[in-house]
Amino acid sequence: MRKEIQFLLSKNNLVYAEKIVEKLYNIQPGFRQKYGDEGRKLSIRDAAYHLPFLAESIVADDPKIFTDYVAWVKLLFQGLNFPLT
């Protein structure tokens, strides 16, 4: 089952990344105006980078892999002055 989830996350990486960014932009409507189309594209690219860490944590049955990664991303986002909500 975990390998199937990893496969689905890998196969549909861009689709999931687009959905993540769509949800984020709905939660933070000011992002559209602030970052424009280029920012949206970069956000999708970045979201696609995050998903393999989630997939690996699922395969390894080790949520710490992903939570450690999320902690690092939070620090990165703070440094970039992105809101964490």
Protein backbone atom coordinates (compact mmCIF):
# COMPACT_ATOMS: atom_id res chain seq x y z
CA MET A 1 0.00 0.00 0.00
CA ARG A 2 2.78 2.48 0.87
CA LYS A 3 4.55 1.83 -2.43
CA GLU A 4 1.24 2.48 -4.24
CA ILE A 5 0.92 5.83 -2.47
CA GLN A 6 4.50 6.67 -3.39
CA PHE A 7 3.76 5.76 -7.01
CA LEU A 8 0.62 7.92 -7.07
CA LEU A 9 2.43 10.87 -5.51
CA SER A 10 5.25 10.51 -8.03
CA LYS A 11 3.04 9.95 -11.03
CA ASN A 12 0.70 12.84 -10.18
CA ASN A 13 3.28 15.12 -8.58
CA LEU A 14 2.49 18.16 -10.72
CA VAL A 15 -1.29 17.68 -10.40
CA TYR A 16 -1.03 17.57 -6.62
CA ALA A 17 1.37 20.52 -6.58
CA GLU A 18 -1.11 22.58 -8.62
CA LYS A 19 -3.92 21.68 -6.23
CA ILE A 20 -1.78 22.60 -3.23
CA VAL A 21 -0.97 26.01 -4.70
CA GLU A 22 -4.60 26.57 -5.73
CA LYS A 23 -5.66 25.94 -2.14
CA LEU A 24 -2.88 28.16 -0.80
CA TYR A 25 -3.87 31.01 -3.12
CA ASN A 26 -7.51 30.61 -2.04
CA ILE A 27 -6.45 30.85 1.61
CA GLN A 28 -4.10 33.77 0.89
CA PRO A 29 -5.84 35.71 -1.93
CA GLY A 30 -3.26 38.49 -1.75
CA PHE A 31 -0.67 36.11 -3.18
CA ARG A 32 -2.16 36.41 -6.68
CA GLN A 33 -1.68 40.15 -6.72
CA LYS A 34 1.66 40.11 -4.89
CA TYR A 35 3.40 37.31 -6.82
CA GLY A 36 1.47 37.14 -10.10
CA ASP A 37 1.60 34.30 -12.60
CA GLU A 38 5.35 33.83 -12.28
CA GLY A 39 5.08 33.47 -8.52
CA ARG A 40 2.29 30.93 -8.96
CA LYS A 41 4.46 28.88 -11.34
CA LEU A 42 7.36 28.98 -8.89
CA SER A 43 5.03 27.96 -6.06
CA ILE A 44 3.86 24.95 -8.08
CA ARG A 45 7.48 24.03 -8.80
CA ASP A 46 8.35 24.30 -5.11
CA ALA A 47 5.30 22.32 -3.99
CA ALA A 48 6.35 19.59 -6.42
CA TYR A 49 9.75 19.51 -4.68
CA HIS A 50 8.09 18.90 -1.30
CA LEU A 51 5.96 15.91 -2.30
CA PRO A 52 8.81 13.38 -2.67
CA PHE A 53 9.68 13.91 1.00
CA LEU A 54 6.09 13.06 1.90
CA ALA A 55 6.24 9.98 -0.33
CA GLU A 56 9.49 8.79 1.24
CA SER A 57 8.13 9.24 4.75
CA ILE A 58 5.12 7.12 3.78
CA VAL A 59 7.23 4.35 2.24
CA ALA A 60 9.60 4.33 5.22
CA ASP A 61 6.61 4.45 7.57
CA ASP A 62 8.45 7.26 9.33
CA PRO A 63 6.50 10.51 9.68
CA LYS A 64 9.60 12.10 11.21
CA ILE A 65 11.16 12.31 7.75
CA PHE A 66 8.38 14.61 6.63
CA THR A 67 7.94 16.53 9.88
CA ASP A 68 11.69 17.28 9.97
CA TYR A 69 11.47 18.47 6.38
CA VAL A 70 8.44 20.64 7.17
CA ALA A 71 10.32 22.18 10.10
CA TRP A 72 13.16 23.06 7.75
CA VAL A 73 10.74 24.54 5.17
CA LYS A 74 9.14 26.67 7.90
CA LEU A 75 12.56 28.14 8.68
CA LEU A 76 13.15 28.75 5.00
CA PHE A 77 9.76 30.46 4.63
CA GLN A 78 10.39 32.61 7.70
CA GLY A 79 13.67 33.73 6.13
CA LEU A 80 11.78 34.63 2.95
CA ASN A 81 9.12 36.48 4.99
CA PHE A 82 6.34 34.18 3.81
CA PRO A 83 3.34 33.78 6.09
CA LEU A 84 3.19 30.39 7.76
CA THR A 85 -0.61 30.09 7.77
